[in-house]
Amino acid sequence: MQLSEDRAALEHEEQIVWTEEVADYDYVRQSVERSSSTRRRPVAWTGVGRRVGYAVLRPTAPSGDVPGRFIRRVFWVKDYDRSEQPDGTYKTTAPSEAVDPRTVAPGVWGELTERAWGGPLAAE
């Protein structure tokens, strides 16, 4: 499923919490955690890389497909992302889940911008 098709992850968001200062990051990775055990506390992160932010849900947000589990967005970086290695793998590109953190808001998908991509985006 395309991340942009998962509207359930956005529907009940109240706030985005950044656990690190991401204003200077060209991009962060955006993904959806489908089995968070909480609406509001930090999303547990067991993936590769480092969590730098997460969505907080409204207190009335319903469970997802599994009772007591909630669908939430998580934002993260890997050791070889541009923020960690400016001249590395993603010097002039970005991973598929990359979004510009300046475009992230509750209920709004982050976007891939020229800043996040590291150069001009190809015209579609």
C-alpha atoms as a PDB file:
ATOM      1  CA  MET A   1       0.000   0.000   0.000  1.00  0.00           C
ATOM      2  CA  GLN A   2       1.257   3.462  -0.841  1.00  0.00           C
ATOM      3  CA  LEU A   3       1.824   5.612   2.224  1.00  0.00           C
ATOM      4  CA  SER A   4      -0.245   8.367   0.622  1.00  0.00           C
ATOM      5  CA  GLU A   5      -3.230   6.000   0.424  1.00  0.00           C
ATOM      6  CA  ASP A   6      -3.291   5.319   4.170  1.00  0.00           C
ATOM      7  CA  ARG A   7      -5.698   8.079   5.215  1.00  0.00           C
ATOM      8  CA  ALA A   8      -6.466   6.252   8.493  1.00  0.00           C
ATOM      9  CA  ALA A   9      -3.057   7.330   9.778  1.00  0.00           C
ATOM     10  CA  LEU A  10      -4.024  11.008   9.446  1.00  0.00           C
ATOM     11  CA  GLU A  11      -7.647  11.034  10.419  1.00  0.00           C
ATOM     12  CA  HIS A  12      -7.318  11.481  14.192  1.00  0.00           C
ATOM     13  CA  GLU A  13      -3.983  13.299  14.518  1.00  0.00           C
ATOM     14  CA  GLU A  14      -3.866  16.167  16.984  1.00  0.00           C
ATOM     15  CA  GLN A  15      -0.175  17.122  17.004  1.00  0.00           C
ATOM     16  CA  ILE A  16       3.286  16.244  15.721  1.00  0.00           C
ATOM     17  CA  VAL A  17       5.981  15.896  18.379  1.00  0.00           C
ATOM     18  CA  TRP A  18       9.601  16.265  17.306  1.00  0.00           C
ATOM     19  CA  THR A  19      11.996  14.556  19.708  1.00  0.00           C
ATOM     20  CA  GLU A  20      14.960  16.238  18.020  1.00  0.00           C
ATOM     21  CA  GLU A  21      15.413  19.617  16.377  1.00  0.00           C
ATOM     22  CA  VAL A  22      14.606  18.827  12.736  1.00  0.00           C
ATOM     23  CA  ALA A  23      14.307  22.348  11.311  1.00  0.00           C
ATOM     24  CA  ASP A  24      17.673  21.995   9.583  1.00  0.00           C
ATOM     25  CA  TYR A  25      17.027  18.458   8.279  1.00  0.00           C
ATOM     26  CA  ASP A  26      16.464  18.408   4.535  1.00  0.00           C
ATOM     27  CA  TYR A  27      14.296  15.340   5.013  1.00  0.00           C
ATOM     28  CA  VAL A  28      13.100  12.796   7.527  1.00  0.00           C
ATOM     29  CA  ARG A  29      11.598   9.409   6.771  1.00  0.00           C
ATOM     30  CA  GLN A  30       7.845   9.083   7.295  1.00  0.00           C
ATOM     31  CA  SER A  31       6.221   5.736   8.017  1.00  0.00           C
ATOM     32  CA  VAL A  32       3.070   4.366   9.617  1.00  0.00           C
ATOM     33  CA  GLU A  33       3.091   2.295  12.798  1.00  0.00           C
ATOM     34  CA  ARG A  34      -0.039   0.154  12.763  1.00  0.00           C
ATOM     35  CA  SER A  35       0.084  -1.312  16.250  1.00  0.00           C
ATOM     36  CA  SER A  36       0.993   1.438  18.664  1.00  0.00           C
ATOM     37  CA  SER A  37      -0.364   0.652  22.118  1.00  0.00           C
ATOM     38  CA  THR A  38      -0.970   4.324  22.920  1.00  0.00           C
ATOM     39  CA  ARG A  39      -2.640   7.353  21.369  1.00  0.00           C
ATOM     40  CA  ARG A  40      -0.450   9.994  22.942  1.00  0.00           C
ATOM     41  CA  ARG A  41       2.796   8.714  24.481  1.00  0.00           C
ATOM     42  CA  PRO A  42       5.893   8.309  22.303  1.00  0.00           C
ATOM     43  CA  VAL A  43       5.609   5.601  19.686  1.00  0.00           C
ATOM     44  CA  ALA A  44       7.928   2.706  20.494  1.00  0.00           C
ATOM     45  CA  TRP A  45      10.574   2.481  17.790  1.00  0.00           C
ATOM     46  CA  THR A  46      12.165  -0.871  17.008  1.00  0.00           C
ATOM     47  CA  GLY A  47      13.085  -0.127  13.399  1.00  0.00           C
ATOM     48  CA  VAL A  48      16.509   0.602  11.984  1.00  0.00           C
ATOM     49  CA  GLY A  49      17.609   4.157  12.585  1.00  0.00           C
ATOM     50  CA  ARG A  50      16.520   6.769  15.103  1.00  0.00           C
ATOM     51  CA  ARG A  51      13.026   8.094  15.740  1.00  0.00           C
ATOM     52  CA  VAL A  52      12.956  11.897  15.533  1.00  0.00           C
ATOM     53  CA  GLY A  53       9.210  12.482  15.790  1.00  0.00           C
ATOM     54  CA  TYR A  54       5.741  10.985  16.010  1.00  0.00           C
ATOM     55  CA  ALA A  55       2.087  11.893  15.694  1.00  0.00           C
ATOM     56  CA  VAL A  56      -0.131  12.277  18.756  1.00  0.00           C
ATOM     57  CA  LEU A  57      -3.765  11.254  18.359  1.00  0.00           C
ATOM     58  CA  ARG A  58      -6.852  12.891  19.818  1.00  0.00           C
ATOM     59  CA  PRO A  59      -8.010  11.247  23.077  1.00  0.00           C
ATOM     60  CA  THR A  60     -11.119   9.983  21.250  1.00  0.00           C
ATOM     61  CA  ALA A  61      -9.210   8.286  18.397  1.00  0.00           C
ATOM     62  CA  PRO A  62     -10.551   4.765  17.839  1.00  0.00           C
ATOM     63  CA  SER A  63      -8.429   1.636  17.645  1.00  0.00           C
ATOM     64  CA  GLY A  64      -7.245   0.431  14.273  1.00  0.00           C
ATOM     65  CA  ASP A  65      -7.867  -3.100  13.006  1.00  0.00           C
ATOM     66  CA  VAL A  66      -6.717  -4.580  16.335  1.00  0.00           C
ATOM     67  CA  PRO A  67      -8.499  -3.536  19.558  1.00  0.00           C
ATOM     68  CA  GLY A  68      -6.279  -1.382  21.776  1.00  0.00           C
ATOM     69  CA  ARG A  69      -3.828  -0.677  18.937  1.00  0.00           C
ATOM     70  CA  PHE A  70      -3.615   2.643  17.125  1.00  0.00           C
ATOM     71  CA  ILE A  71      -2.378   3.759  13.712  1.00  0.00           C
ATOM     72  CA  ARG A  72       0.210   6.525  14.011  1.00  0.00           C
ATOM     73  CA  ARG A  73       2.884   8.160  11.907  1.00  0.00           C
ATOM     74  CA  VAL A  74       6.516   8.019  12.944  1.00  0.00           C
ATOM     75  CA  PHE A  75       9.400  10.116  11.593  1.00  0.00           C
ATOM     76  CA  TRP A  76      12.942   8.788  11.628  1.00  0.00           C
ATOM     77  CA  VAL A  77      16.434   8.893  10.107  1.00  0.00           C
ATOM     78  CA  LYS A  78      19.044   6.267   9.320  1.00  0.00           C
ATOM     79  CA  ASP A  79      22.773   6.488  10.004  1.00  0.00           C
ATOM     80  CA  TYR A  80      23.514   7.128   6.330  1.00  0.00           C
ATOM     81  CA  ASP A  81      20.823   9.775   5.687  1.00  0.00           C
ATOM     82  CA  ARG A  82      21.912  13.225   4.548  1.00  0.00           C
ATOM     83  CA  SER A  83      21.476  14.697   8.047  1.00  0.00           C
ATOM     84  CA  GLU A  84      24.059  12.213   9.343  1.00  0.00           C
ATOM     85  CA  GLN A  85      26.344  11.968   6.274  1.00  0.00           C
ATOM     86  CA  PRO A  86      25.957  15.070   4.058  1.00  0.00           C
ATOM     87  CA  ASP A  87      28.269  13.671   1.355  1.00  0.00           C
ATOM     88  CA  GLY A  88      26.912  10.111   1.586  1.00  0.00           C
ATOM     89  CA  THR A  89      24.444   7.988  -0.351  1.00  0.00           C
ATOM     90  CA  TYR A  90      21.674  10.595  -0.351  1.00  0.00           C
ATOM     91  CA  LYS A  91      23.747  13.674  -1.149  1.00  0.00           C
ATOM     92  CA  THR A  92      21.614  14.462  -4.220  1.00  0.00           C
ATOM     93  CA  THR A  93      18.661  12.085  -3.809  1.00  0.00           C
ATOM     94  CA  ALA A  94      16.402  10.875  -1.017  1.00  0.00           C
ATOM     95  CA  PRO A  95      14.871   7.582   0.124  1.00  0.00           C
ATOM     96  CA  SER A  96      11.351   6.722  -1.048  1.00  0.00           C
ATOM     97  CA  GLU A  97       9.777   7.553   2.325  1.00  0.00           C
ATOM     98  CA  ALA A  98      11.525  10.946   2.617  1.00  0.00           C
ATOM     99  CA  VAL A  99       9.515  14.078   3.372  1.00  0.00           C
ATOM    100  CA  ASP A 100      10.538  17.642   4.113  1.00  0.00           C
ATOM    101  CA  PRO A 101       9.822  18.101   7.855  1.00  0.00           C
ATOM    102  CA  ARG A 102       8.644  21.675   7.130  1.00  0.00           C
ATOM    103  CA  THR A 103       5.672  20.177   5.244  1.00  0.00           C
ATOM    104  CA  VAL A 104       4.576  17.858   8.075  1.00  0.00           C
ATOM    105  CA  ALA A 105       1.480  18.826  10.076  1.00  0.00           C
ATOM    106  CA  PRO A 106      -1.278  16.962  11.915  1.00  0.00           C
ATOM    107  CA  GLY A 107      -3.560  15.388   9.329  1.00  0.00           C
ATOM    108  CA  VAL A 108      -1.286  16.378   6.426  1.00  0.00           C
ATOM    109  CA  TRP A 109       1.143  14.052   4.632  1.00  0.00           C
ATOM    110  CA  GLY A 110       4.678  15.352   4.465  1.00  0.00           C
ATOM    111  CA  GLU A 111       5.860  16.164   0.946  1.00  0.00           C
ATOM    112  CA  LEU A 112       8.984  15.481  -1.041  1.00  0.00           C
ATOM    113  CA  THR A 113      10.349  18.913  -1.923  1.00  0.00           C
ATOM    114  CA  GLU A 114      13.420  19.950  -3.905  1.00  0.00           C
ATOM    115  CA  ARG A 115      15.107  20.642  -0.576  1.00  0.00           C
ATOM    116  CA  ALA A 116      14.307  17.079   0.597  1.00  0.00           C
ATOM    117  CA  TRP A 117      15.391  15.557  -2.721  1.00  0.00           C
ATOM    118  CA  GLY A 118      18.673  17.463  -2.751  1.00  0.00           C
ATOM    119  CA  GLY A 119      18.093  19.133  -6.113  1.00  0.00           C
ATOM    120  CA  PRO A 120      15.454  19.776  -8.758  1.00  0.00           C
ATOM    121  CA  LEU A 121      12.603  17.264  -8.856  1.00  0.00           C
ATOM    122  CA  ALA A 122      11.845  15.603 -12.176  1.00  0.00           C
ATOM    123  CA  ALA A 123       8.699  16.914 -13.862  1.00  0.00           C
ATOM    124  CA  GLU A 124       5.890  14.380 -13.933  1.00  0.00           C
END
